[in-house]
């Protein structure tokens, strides 16, 4: 097969993949929304307490509206641990700001990465549903001074209290644990009244629909809510589907979790097994809430009820996520290529455990993939080498039968049969490598371990583009060499197109992650060495034009 088919196949399938991704984002033919609305229940509003609407609850009981919102200038409590610098607001006792001390901002390595922030109206909120019970719009009393996890301590408890109304005394406690991105959110309800109460607790994540800063790439990553249940498995939901009332969420169940996903990071409420109902809605312009409602057992007069739901807020570390909750590792989503991408990541991680550098691990993985495809590649290169040697014969046929296309094609087929050359012999290896290439793209795009990982010299972060475009230029040069090694198309226009391909691909790869460009560059270098050797052997074997 000539180099034209080889390159055009790659462009076609890669473009088809990108178009498919864009089509998925549009929510074409999305299934109808699964309702989680219950009559008479108030909505858990967003950060600023927009106009009230029904909140989904797992019963048909009528629930009064939440109290008026507290001003945006509510007091904040600073909480510092080994992994977090957090702010807790007196309004609702919400986690309104969360810095991750082990991760840095894109473009500014001196600043911590901020997950929850006011720039995206991104926060973790929680409250209670029931008469005179505090919601996320209530005013909570904070500790008098900032809190910090001291050396030697394994956990830090941040205790908030709500005004006692209607005979119920409520305490909300956040439990931060050393070395863990899990934060427990606990409600303790003391019934000081004379009647039994049966409250519900809700836990939600609010966020706007904007992707995180510094996340723009050749192919954007998913930002939005996601749900997991044993019945429905992992489901991502586009913000646009929520606006169009086409979002599908799990029905009432006794398992699963709800998350808000963005590039490299995730926040999720992870209730223990038991009754719960999920909800998802637009609560303001470009502002959304995804959450879960869980029941609290009946609380008799004088008794105490408790409910505890852990919040995960941190990096998408696949090994740790899998241990936290069933299916939680699926937030690192490779889509339909998971069957290829997951083993690639496992091998890459295994190589890194020995080598200690992600760049060299990528090179080692490239060599392994090349060795795996060696038999197919050898057959492909032999076919192209024979086509290269046959080029003079094909040119003579063109000169002899150029005006008779049918006769020329017949003579070309006869020549291929005589020389035992399959003109499509080079297609198979590239068709097999295209899914591997795309899967590795998503591995390098979605693996938080690659974020900020250096290789050598000027490559200080393999997850972003080469700052000086050196690797893409080297990759373009290797493509040009490959073009020279392959048979030239007999048509002058095709030949010109083939010479333009390295330029087109170089321009495209300028904005790809450096790790992916490194993989493709090393792959090209290995291909050049193999093609050169095969060409030399075929030409020495005596297949010459007569």
Protein backbone atom coordinates (compact mmCIF):
# COMPACT_ATOMS: atom_id res chain seq x y z
CA UNK A 1 0.00 0.00 0.00
CA UNK A 2 1.28 3.48 -0.80
CA UNK A 3 1.82 6.07 1.87
CA UNK A 4 -1.23 8.03 0.77
CA UNK A 5 -3.63 5.37 2.02
CA UNK A 6 -1.61 4.98 5.21
CA UNK A 7 -1.79 8.64 6.20
CA UNK A 8 -5.29 9.30 4.92
CA UNK A 9 -6.58 6.31 6.90
CA UNK A 10 -5.17 7.79 10.08
CA UNK A 11 -6.69 11.21 9.33
CA UNK A 12 -10.06 9.69 8.47
CA UNK A 13 -10.41 7.53 11.55
CA UNK A 14 -9.03 10.15 13.92
CA UNK A 15 -11.36 12.79 12.46
CA UNK A 16 -14.26 10.35 12.70
CA UNK A 17 -13.47 9.80 16.37
CA UNK A 18 -13.41 13.55 17.09
CA UNK A 19 -16.71 14.04 15.25
CA UNK A 20 -18.23 11.20 17.27
CA UNK A 21 -17.09 12.86 20.48
CA UNK A 22 -18.68 16.16 19.45
CA UNK A 23 -21.91 14.39 18.50
CA UNK A 24 -22.00 12.78 21.93
CA UNK A 25 -21.73 16.22 23.55
CA UNK A 26 -24.84 17.45 21.76
CA UNK A 27 -27.00 14.84 23.49
CA UNK A 28 -28.57 13.61 20.28
CA UNK A 29 -31.65 11.47 20.95
CA UNK A 30 -31.05 11.60 24.70
CA UNK A 31 -33.45 9.49 26.74
CA UNK A 32 -36.25 11.24 28.62
CA UNK A 33 -35.50 12.44 32.12
CA UNK A 34 -36.17 10.14 35.00
CA UNK A 35 -38.13 12.21 37.44
CA UNK A 36 -36.96 12.58 40.98
CA UNK A 37 -39.58 15.19 41.91
CA UNK A 38 -41.98 14.73 44.77
CA UNK A 39 -44.95 16.94 45.40
CA UNK A 40 -44.63 19.56 48.05
CA UNK A 41 -40.87 19.21 48.63
CA UNK A 42 -38.52 22.23 48.58
CA UNK A 43 -35.54 22.50 46.27
CA UNK A 44 -32.02 22.58 47.68
CA UNK A 45 -30.96 25.78 45.95
CA UNK A 46 -27.53 26.92 44.82
CA UNK A 47 -24.87 28.99 46.51
CA UNK A 48 -26.81 32.21 46.56
CA UNK A 49 -30.17 30.71 47.50
CA UNK A 50 -32.10 31.49 44.34
CA UNK A 51 -35.89 31.33 44.26
CA UNK A 52 -37.33 28.29 45.97
CA UNK A 53 -38.68 25.29 44.05
CA UNK A 54 -39.51 21.69 45.00
CA UNK A 55 -36.71 19.57 46.49
CA UNK A 56 -36.85 15.84 45.65
CA UNK A 57 -37.41 13.66 48.70
CA UNK A 58 -38.09 9.94 48.96
CA UNK A 59 -41.54 10.44 50.53
CA UNK A 60 -44.78 12.20 49.65
CA UNK A 61 -44.75 14.27 52.84
CA UNK A 62 -45.23 17.98 52.47
CA UNK A 63 -42.12 19.87 53.51
CA UNK A 64 -42.03 23.62 54.19
CA UNK A 65 -39.77 25.98 52.27
CA UNK A 66 -36.26 26.67 53.45
CA UNK A 67 -35.55 29.81 55.47
CA UNK A 68 -34.41 33.00 53.80
CA UNK A 69 -30.86 33.01 52.50
CA UNK A 70 -28.02 34.46 54.50
CA UNK A 71 -26.03 37.29 52.88
CA UNK A 72 -23.07 36.40 50.66
CA UNK A 73 -20.81 38.13 53.18
CA UNK A 74 -21.32 35.31 55.67
CA UNK A 75 -18.36 34.54 57.90
CA UNK A 76 -15.87 31.92 56.79
CA UNK A 77 -13.85 29.43 58.80
CA UNK A 78 -10.35 28.49 57.60
CA UNK A 79 -9.45 24.81 58.01
CA UNK A 80 -5.95 23.53 57.22
CA UNK A 81 -4.87 19.88 56.99
CA UNK A 82 -1.99 18.04 55.36
CA UNK A 83 -3.96 17.84 52.07
CA UNK A 84 -6.47 20.70 52.22
CA UNK A 85 -6.85 24.38 52.83
CA UNK A 86 -10.61 24.71 53.15
CA UNK A 87 -13.14 27.43 53.84
CA UNK A 88 -16.44 26.64 55.55
CA UNK A 89 -19.18 29.25 55.22
CA UNK A 90 -21.58 30.22 57.97
CA UNK A 91 -24.25 30.18 55.29
CA UNK A 92 -25.38 26.59 55.24
CA UNK A 93 -22.12 25.33 56.73
CA UNK A 94 -21.02 24.69 53.14
CA UNK A 95 -17.54 23.89 51.87
CA UNK A 96 -17.16 26.86 49.53
CA UNK A 97 -13.42 26.80 48.86
CA UNK A 98 -11.00 23.89 48.75
CA UNK A 99 -7.31 24.03 47.87
CA UNK A 100 -5.44 20.79 47.23
CA UNK A 101 -1.97 21.23 48.73
CA UNK A 102 -0.42 18.32 46.82
CA UNK A 103 -1.42 19.70 43.39
CA UNK A 104 -0.47 22.90 41.62
CA UNK A 105 -2.29 25.31 39.38
CA UNK A 106 -1.73 25.03 35.63
CA UNK A 107 0.80 27.65 34.60
CA UNK A 108 1.70 28.67 38.17
CA UNK A 109 3.55 26.02 40.14
CA UNK A 110 3.74 28.30 43.19
CA UNK A 111 -0.03 28.16 43.76
CA UNK A 112 -2.12 25.28 45.00
CA UNK A 113 -4.83 23.92 42.75
CA UNK A 114 -8.28 25.11 43.83
CA UNK A 115 -11.14 22.65 43.37
CA UNK A 116 -14.08 24.34 45.09
CA UNK A 117 -14.16 28.08 44.43
CA UNK A 118 -16.47 31.03 43.86
CA UNK A 119 -15.16 31.50 40.31
CA UNK A 120 -17.15 28.42 39.26
CA UNK A 121 -19.74 28.66 42.05
CA UNK A 122 -18.44 25.20 42.92
CA UNK A 123 -19.27 24.03 46.43
CA UNK A 124 -20.30 21.04 48.54
CA UNK A 125 -23.60 21.69 50.31
CA UNK A 126 -25.76 19.75 52.72
CA UNK A 127 -28.81 20.22 54.90
CA UNK A 128 -31.86 18.63 56.45
CA UNK A 129 -35.43 18.34 55.20
CA UNK A 130 -38.11 18.58 57.86
CA UNK A 131 -40.05 21.13 59.84
CA UNK A 132 -37.77 23.79 61.36
CA UNK A 133 -34.64 21.84 60.41
CA UNK A 134 -31.63 23.76 59.02
CA UNK A 135 -30.94 23.64 55.30
CA UNK A 136 -27.90 24.81 53.34
CA UNK A 137 -29.47 28.28 53.44
CA UNK A 138 -29.59 28.47 57.23
CA UNK A 139 -27.10 30.38 59.36
CA UNK A 140 -24.70 28.08 61.21
CA UNK A 141 -22.43 29.03 64.08
CA UNK A 142 -18.75 28.46 63.32
CA UNK A 143 -15.87 27.82 65.72
CA UNK A 144 -14.35 31.07 66.97
CA UNK A 145 -10.91 30.61 65.38
CA UNK A 146 -9.27 28.91 62.44
CA UNK A 147 -8.55 25.20 62.84
CA UNK A 148 -5.56 23.12 61.74
CA UNK A 149 -4.57 19.47 61.85
CA UNK A 150 -1.61 19.35 64.21
CA UNK A 151 1.41 17.10 63.93
CA UNK A 152 0.64 13.71 65.37
CA UNK A 153 -3.13 14.09 64.99
CA UNK A 154 -4.93 11.71 62.64
CA UNK A 155 -8.18 13.62 62.27
CA UNK A 156 -9.64 17.08 62.68
CA UNK A 157 -13.31 17.55 63.62
CA UNK A 158 -14.96 20.82 62.60
CA UNK A 159 -18.17 21.23 64.59
CA UNK A 160 -20.94 23.61 63.46
CA UNK A 161 -24.20 24.29 65.29
CA UNK A 162 -27.53 25.55 64.03
CA UNK A 163 -30.04 27.61 66.04
CA UNK A 164 -32.43 25.33 67.90
CA UNK A 165 -35.89 25.73 66.39
CA UNK A 166 -39.01 23.71 67.03
CA UNK A 167 -37.31 21.58 69.64
CA UNK A 168 -34.58 20.13 67.41
CA UNK A 169 -30.91 20.74 68.13
CA UNK A 170 -28.65 20.06 65.14
CA UNK A 171 -24.87 19.77 64.89
CA UNK A 172 -23.04 19.39 61.59
CA UNK A 173 -19.50 18.03 61.79
CA UNK A 174 -16.84 17.75 59.09
CA UNK A 175 -14.20 15.12 59.81
CA UNK A 176 -10.90 15.64 57.95
CA UNK A 177 -8.48 12.69 58.07
CA UNK A 178 -4.73 12.74 57.62
CA UNK A 179 -3.60 11.47 54.23
CA UNK A 180 -7.15 11.13 52.91
CA UNK A 181 -9.23 13.10 50.42
CA UNK A 182 -12.36 11.75 52.10
CA UNK A 183 -14.20 14.17 54.38
CA UNK A 184 -17.08 12.88 56.48
CA UNK A 185 -20.15 15.10 56.72
CA UNK A 186 -22.12 14.18 59.84
CA UNK A 187 -25.47 15.41 61.13
CA UNK A 188 -26.43 14.85 64.75
CA UNK A 189 -30.07 15.68 65.53
CA UNK A 190 -31.34 15.81 69.12
CA UNK A 191 -35.11 15.79 69.41
CA UNK A 192 -35.96 18.18 72.27
CA UNK A 193 -39.62 18.27 71.28
CA UNK A 194 -42.62 16.21 72.31
CA UNK A 195 -43.29 14.38 69.03
CA UNK A 196 -41.45 11.93 66.83
CA UNK A 197 -39.55 13.50 63.91
CA UNK A 198 -38.51 11.77 60.70
CA UNK A 199 -36.04 14.00 58.86
CA UNK A 200 -34.14 13.50 55.62
CA UNK A 201 -30.64 14.73 54.81
CA UNK A 202 -29.53 15.91 51.40
CA UNK A 203 -26.01 16.31 50.07
CA UNK A 204 -25.34 18.12 46.83
CA UNK A 205 -22.60 19.53 44.64
CA UNK A 206 -23.29 22.82 42.89
CA UNK A 207 -21.27 24.04 39.93
CA UNK A 208 -21.49 26.12 36.78
CA UNK A 209 -21.09 24.53 33.36
CA UNK A 210 -17.68 26.04 32.52
CA UNK A 211 -14.67 23.74 32.12
CA UNK A 212 -11.73 24.33 34.47
CA UNK A 213 -9.10 26.85 33.49
CA UNK A 214 -6.11 25.48 31.61
CA UNK A 215 -8.14 22.50 30.44
CA UNK A 216 -8.43 23.44 26.76
CA UNK A 217 -6.94 20.74 24.52
CA UNK A 218 -7.26 19.41 21.01
CA UNK A 219 -10.03 17.18 22.33
CA UNK A 220 -11.76 18.52 25.43
CA UNK A 221 -12.42 16.39 28.49
CA UNK A 222 -15.76 15.92 30.22
CA UNK A 223 -16.97 18.39 32.83
CA UNK A 224 -20.25 17.68 34.56
CA UNK A 225 -22.27 15.42 36.87
CA UNK A 226 -22.13 11.65 36.93
CA UNK A 227 -24.02 8.90 38.76
CA UNK A 228 -23.29 5.28 39.54
CA UNK A 229 -25.66 2.53 40.67
CA UNK A 230 -25.43 -1.23 40.42
CA UNK A 231 -28.42 -1.28 38.07
CA UNK A 232 -27.55 1.58 35.73
CA UNK A 233 -23.76 1.52 36.13
CA UNK A 234 -21.75 4.65 35.34
CA UNK A 235 -23.64 7.52 33.71
CA UNK A 236 -22.27 10.90 32.69
CA UNK A 237 -24.78 13.69 32.13
CA UNK A 238 -24.22 16.70 29.91
CA UNK A 239 -25.21 20.06 31.38
CA UNK A 240 -27.03 20.80 28.12
CA UNK A 241 -29.28 17.78 28.69
CA UNK A 242 -30.26 19.14 32.09
CA UNK A 243 -31.31 22.44 30.50
CA UNK A 244 -33.35 20.56 27.87
CA UNK A 245 -34.93 18.26 30.50
CA UNK A 246 -33.37 15.28 28.74
CA UNK A 247 -31.04 14.22 31.55
CA UNK A 248 -31.41 10.65 32.76
CA UNK A 249 -30.60 9.93 36.39
CA UNK A 250 -30.96 6.75 38.45
CA UNK A 251 -34.28 5.87 40.03
CA UNK A 252 -34.68 5.44 43.80
CA UNK A 253 -32.24 2.76 44.92
CA UNK A 254 -30.15 1.56 47.85
CA UNK A 255 -26.65 1.96 46.42
CA UNK A 256 -24.36 4.14 44.33
CA UNK A 257 -22.97 7.66 44.42
CA UNK A 258 -23.18 11.07 42.74
CA UNK A 259 -20.19 13.06 41.49
CA UNK A 260 -19.13 16.21 39.74
CA UNK A 261 -16.28 15.49 37.33
CA UNK A 262 -13.71 17.75 35.73
CA UNK A 263 -10.32 17.19 34.14
CA UNK A 264 -8.10 15.18 36.53
CA UNK A 265 -10.29 15.83 39.62
CA UNK A 266 -13.62 14.75 41.07
CA UNK A 267 -15.91 15.53 43.97
CA UNK A 268 -18.49 12.96 45.02
CA UNK A 269 -20.96 12.16 47.78
CA UNK A 270 -20.64 8.48 48.69
CA UNK A 271 -23.50 7.30 50.94
CA UNK A 272 -23.24 3.93 52.62
CA UNK A 273 -25.56 1.22 51.37
CA UNK A 274 -29.17 2.09 52.16
CA UNK A 275 -32.18 3.90 50.79
CA UNK A 276 -31.45 7.04 48.78
CA UNK A 277 -32.77 9.11 45.89
CA UNK A 278 -30.70 11.13 43.43
CA UNK A 279 -31.54 14.49 41.92
CA UNK A 280 -30.13 16.78 39.25
CA UNK A 281 -31.43 20.17 38.13
CA UNK A 282 -30.59 23.62 36.93
CA UNK A 283 -30.89 26.02 39.87
CA UNK A 284 -29.90 29.25 38.14
CA UNK A 285 -28.46 30.52 34.92
CA UNK A 286 -25.61 28.15 34.02
CA UNK A 287 -25.68 26.80 37.59
CA UNK A 288 -26.53 23.20 38.43
CA UNK A 289 -26.95 20.96 41.45
CA UNK A 290 -26.44 17.20 41.60
CA UNK A 291 -27.07 15.39 44.83
CA UNK A 292 -28.53 12.61 46.89
CA UNK A 293 -31.19 12.45 49.61
CA UNK A 294 -30.98 9.87 52.39
CA UNK A 295 -33.45 9.20 55.21
CA UNK A 296 -32.65 9.57 58.89
CA UNK A 297 -34.30 7.04 61.17
CA UNK A 298 -37.23 8.21 63.23
CA UNK A 299 -36.14 10.18 66.28
CA UNK A 300 -38.29 9.89 69.38
CA UNK A 301 -38.55 12.74 71.88
CA UNK A 302 -35.33 12.98 73.85
CA UNK A 303 -33.48 10.69 71.41
CA UNK A 304 -30.66 11.46 68.98
CA UNK A 305 -30.46 10.64 65.28
CA UNK A 306 -27.34 10.60 63.17
CA UNK A 307 -26.46 10.42 59.50
CA UNK A 308 -23.02 10.42 57.92
CA UNK A 309 -22.14 10.68 54.20
CA UNK A 310 -18.48 10.87 53.10
CA UNK A 311 -17.39 13.46 50.56
CA UNK A 312 -14.46 12.72 48.25
CA UNK A 313 -12.79 15.81 46.83
CA UNK A 314 -9.49 15.23 45.13
CA UNK A 315 -7.53 13.76 42.22
CA UNK A 316 -8.74 10.93 40.00
CA UNK A 317 -6.18 8.46 41.32
CA UNK A 318 -7.48 5.24 39.77
CA UNK A 319 -6.03 2.74 42.23
CA UNK A 320 -7.32 4.62 45.28
CA UNK A 321 -10.71 5.43 43.77
CA UNK A 322 -11.41 1.76 43.15
CA UNK A 323 -10.89 1.05 46.86
CA UNK A 324 -13.18 3.86 48.04
CA UNK A 325 -16.44 2.83 46.37
CA UNK A 326 -17.70 0.38 43.77
CA UNK A 327 -17.28 1.83 40.28
CA UNK A 328 -15.68 5.02 41.56
CA UNK A 329 -12.60 4.46 39.38
CA UNK A 330 -14.88 4.87 36.34
CA UNK A 331 -14.76 8.65 36.73
CA UNK A 332 -11.46 8.28 34.86
CA UNK A 333 -13.52 7.67 31.77
CA UNK A 334 -11.99 6.36 28.54
CA UNK A 335 -15.37 5.87 26.88
CA UNK A 336 -15.73 3.03 24.40
CA UNK A 337 -11.95 2.54 24.35
CA UNK A 338 -11.75 1.57 28.02
CA UNK A 339 -11.06 -2.03 27.02
CA UNK A 340 -7.80 -0.83 25.42
CA UNK A 341 -7.01 2.22 27.56
CA UNK A 342 -7.28 0.50 30.95
CA UNK A 343 -4.66 -2.18 30.15
CA UNK A 344 -2.43 0.50 28.59
CA UNK A 345 -2.54 2.52 31.79
CA UNK A 346 -1.87 -0.58 33.89
CA UNK A 347 1.22 -1.42 31.82
CA UNK A 348 2.36 2.20 31.83
CA UNK A 349 1.98 2.39 35.61
CA UNK A 350 3.84 -0.91 36.00
CA UNK A 351 6.71 0.40 33.87
CA UNK A 352 6.80 3.62 35.89
CA UNK A 353 7.12 1.63 39.11
CA UNK A 354 10.44 0.30 37.79
CA UNK A 355 11.71 3.30 35.84
CA UNK A 356 10.51 6.13 38.07
CA UNK A 357 9.95 8.58 35.21
CA UNK A 358 6.73 8.81 33.19
CA UNK A 359 8.53 9.98 30.03
CA UNK A 360 10.84 6.99 29.93
CA UNK A 361 7.88 4.77 30.84
CA UNK A 362 6.07 6.07 27.74
CA UNK A 363 9.12 5.26 25.61
CA UNK A 364 9.28 1.76 27.08
CA UNK A 365 5.54 1.30 26.43
CA UNK A 366 6.03 2.43 22.82
CA UNK A 367 8.75 -0.17 22.32
CA UNK A 368 6.49 -2.85 23.80
CA UNK A 369 3.57 -1.88 21.53
CA UNK A 370 5.89 -1.85 18.53
CA UNK A 371 7.19 -5.30 19.43
CA UNK A 372 3.61 -6.56 19.84
CA UNK A 373 2.69 -5.34 16.37
CA UNK A 374 5.98 -6.43 14.80
CA UNK A 375 4.60 -9.34 12.73
CA UNK A 376 1.86 -7.17 11.24
CA UNK A 377 4.21 -4.24 10.70
CA UNK A 378 6.78 -6.46 8.99
CA UNK A 379 4.16 -7.67 6.50
CA UNK A 380 3.02 -4.09 5.92
CA UNK A 381 6.54 -2.79 5.37
CA UNK A 382 7.33 -5.63 2.98
CA UNK A 383 4.26 -4.75 0.96
CA UNK A 384 5.24 -1.08 0.84
CA UNK A 385 8.85 -1.94 0.03
CA UNK A 386 7.74 -4.05 -2.91
CA UNK A 387 5.46 -1.25 -4.05
CA UNK A 388 8.45 1.09 -3.87
CA UNK A 389 10.55 -1.23 -6.06
CA UNK A 390 7.63 -1.66 -8.48
CA UNK A 391 7.18 2.10 -8.88
CA UNK A 392 9.05 2.24 -12.25
CA UNK A 393 6.84 -0.53 -13.63
CA UNK A 394 3.70 1.24 -12.49
CA UNK A 395 4.93 4.45 -14.09
CA UNK A 396 5.47 2.66 -17.40
CA UNK A 397 1.95 1.26 -17.26
CA UNK A 398 0.62 4.75 -16.68
CA UNK A 399 2.55 6.06 -19.66
CA UNK A 400 1.39 3.18 -21.86
CA UNK A 401 -2.29 3.11 -20.87
CA UNK A 402 -2.86 6.55 -19.37
CA UNK A 403 -5.76 7.23 -21.73
CA UNK A 404 -7.46 3.90 -21.00
CA UNK A 405 -8.14 3.73 -17.26
CA UNK A 406 -9.82 0.34 -17.42
CA UNK A 407 -6.92 -1.28 -19.30
CA UNK A 408 -4.40 0.37 -16.98
CA UNK A 409 -6.16 -0.99 -13.90
CA UNK A 410 -6.28 -4.47 -15.43
CA UNK A 411 -2.55 -4.38 -16.19
CA UNK A 412 -1.78 -3.11 -12.68
CA UNK A 413 -3.78 -5.97 -11.13
CA UNK A 414 -1.92 -8.44 -13.32
CA UNK A 415 1.40 -6.94 -12.23
CA UNK A 416 0.44 -7.14 -8.55
CA UNK A 417 -0.55 -10.79 -9.03
CA UNK A 418 2.64 -11.61 -10.89
CA UNK A 419 4.90 -10.00 -8.30
CA UNK A 420 2.74 -11.38 -5.43
CA UNK A 421 2.14 -7.91 -3.99
CA UNK A 422 -1.03 -6.93 -2.12
CA UNK A 423 -1.59 -3.19 -2.62
CA UNK A 424 -3.69 -3.18 0.57
CA UNK A 425 -1.11 -5.05 2.59
CA UNK A 426 -0.13 -1.97 4.57
CA UNK A 427 -3.64 -1.13 5.78
CA UNK A 428 -4.08 -3.60 8.61
CA UNK A 429 -1.30 -2.40 10.95
CA UNK A 430 -2.41 1.24 10.79
CA UNK A 431 -6.06 0.27 11.33
CA UNK A 432 -5.08 -1.67 14.44
CA UNK A 433 -2.84 1.10 15.77
CA UNK A 434 -5.46 3.85 15.40
CA UNK A 435 -7.55 2.62 18.39
CA UNK A 436 -4.33 2.18 20.40
CA UNK A 437 -3.26 5.71 19.49
CA UNK A 438 -6.62 7.19 20.53
CA UNK A 439 -6.77 5.08 23.71
CA UNK A 440 -3.28 6.21 24.69
CA UNK A 441 -4.35 9.79 24.01
CA UNK A 442 -7.11 9.42 26.61
CA UNK A 443 -4.75 7.68 29.03
CA UNK A 444 -2.32 10.59 28.83
CA UNK A 445 -5.19 13.10 28.92
CA UNK A 446 -7.09 11.58 31.82
CA UNK A 447 -4.35 10.23 34.06
CA UNK A 448 -3.77 12.63 36.95
CA UNK A 449 -0.46 10.89 37.65
CA UNK A 450 0.80 12.44 34.41
CA UNK A 451 -0.21 15.95 35.53
CA UNK A 452 2.95 17.90 36.23
CA UNK A 453 5.15 14.86 35.53
CA UNK A 454 8.50 15.86 33.95
CA UNK A 455 10.53 13.92 31.42
CA UNK A 456 13.81 15.67 30.79
CA UNK A 457 15.11 19.14 29.99
CA UNK A 458 12.40 21.47 28.81
CA UNK A 459 9.58 18.91 29.15
CA UNK A 460 8.43 19.61 32.70
CA UNK A 461 4.83 18.45 32.28
CA UNK A 462 3.92 15.55 29.99
CA UNK A 463 0.20 16.30 30.24
CA UNK A 464 0.44 19.64 28.39
CA UNK A 465 1.91 20.71 25.07
CA UNK A 466 5.64 21.14 24.53
CA UNK A 467 6.26 24.80 25.48
CA UNK A 468 8.88 25.23 22.74
CA UNK A 469 7.29 22.88 20.14
CA UNK A 470 10.53 20.93 19.84
CA UNK A 471 8.98 17.47 20.08
CA UNK A 472 6.27 18.20 17.46
CA UNK A 473 8.93 19.47 15.05
CA UNK A 474 11.00 16.33 15.59
CA UNK A 475 7.86 14.25 15.06
CA UNK A 476 7.20 16.13 11.79
CA UNK A 477 10.75 15.42 10.63
CA UNK A 478 10.29 11.70 11.31
CA UNK A 479 7.08 11.73 9.27
CA UNK A 480 8.92 13.38 6.39
CA UNK A 481 11.58 10.66 6.50
CA UNK A 482 8.87 7.99 6.50
CA UNK A 483 7.30 9.61 3.44
CA UNK A 484 10.64 9.40 1.63
CA UNK A 485 11.00 5.72 2.50
CA UNK A 486 7.58 4.79 1.14
CA UNK A 487 6.64 4.43 -2.53
CA UNK A 488 5.80 7.70 -4.25
CA UNK A 489 2.28 7.91 -5.73
CA UNK A 490 2.33 7.89 -9.55
CA UNK A 491 -0.01 10.87 -9.69
CA UNK A 492 1.85 14.22 -9.22
CA UNK A 493 -1.05 15.74 -7.28
CA UNK A 494 -1.08 12.79 -4.88
CA UNK A 495 2.65 13.15 -4.47
CA UNK A 496 2.25 16.79 -3.48
CA UNK A 497 -0.47 15.89 -0.99
CA UNK A 498 1.81 13.28 0.54
CA UNK A 499 4.57 15.85 0.98
CA UNK A 500 2.09 18.13 2.76
CA UNK A 501 1.02 15.48 5.26
CA UNK A 502 4.02 15.90 7.62
CA UNK A 503 3.31 19.64 7.76
CA UNK A 504 -0.39 19.08 8.50
CA UNK A 505 0.34 16.53 11.22
CA UNK A 506 3.05 18.70 12.76
CA UNK A 507 0.59 21.59 13.04
CA UNK A 508 -1.97 19.28 14.64
CA UNK A 509 0.51 17.81 17.12
CA UNK A 510 1.72 21.24 18.26
CA UNK A 511 -1.13 21.32 20.77
CA UNK A 512 -1.18 17.67 21.80
CA UNK A 513 0.16 16.63 25.24
CA UNK A 514 3.93 16.24 25.18
CA UNK A 515 3.57 12.65 26.39
CA UNK A 516 1.50 11.71 23.35
CA UNK A 517 3.88 13.46 20.96
CA UNK A 518 6.74 11.60 22.63
CA UNK A 519 4.96 8.30 22.03
CA UNK A 520 4.30 9.09 18.36
CA UNK A 521 7.84 10.37 17.77
CA UNK A 522 9.42 7.24 19.22
CA UNK A 523 6.95 5.09 17.29
CA UNK A 524 7.97 6.88 14.06
CA UNK A 525 11.67 6.40 14.77
CA UNK A 526 11.16 2.68 15.31
CA UNK A 527 9.05 2.50 12.15
CA UNK A 528 11.77 4.27 10.16
CA UNK A 529 14.39 1.80 11.35
CA UNK A 530 12.17 -1.16 10.52
CA UNK A 531 11.09 0.22 7.13
CA UNK A 532 14.67 1.05 6.12
CA UNK A 533 15.80 -2.47 6.97
CA UNK A 534 12.92 -4.07 5.07
CA UNK A 535 13.50 -1.83 2.02
CA UNK A 536 17.17 -2.78 1.98
CA UNK A 537 16.35 -6.49 2.18
CA UNK A 538 13.68 -6.34 -0.56
CA UNK A 539 15.87 -4.35 -2.92
CA UNK A 540 18.77 -6.71 -2.29
CA UNK A 541 16.44 -9.64 -3.00
CA UNK A 542 16.24 -8.81 -6.66
CA UNK A 543 12.71 -7.53 -7.21
CA UNK A 544 13.68 -5.03 -9.98
CA UNK A 545 11.73 -3.29 -12.70
CA UNK A 546 12.24 -4.78 -16.14
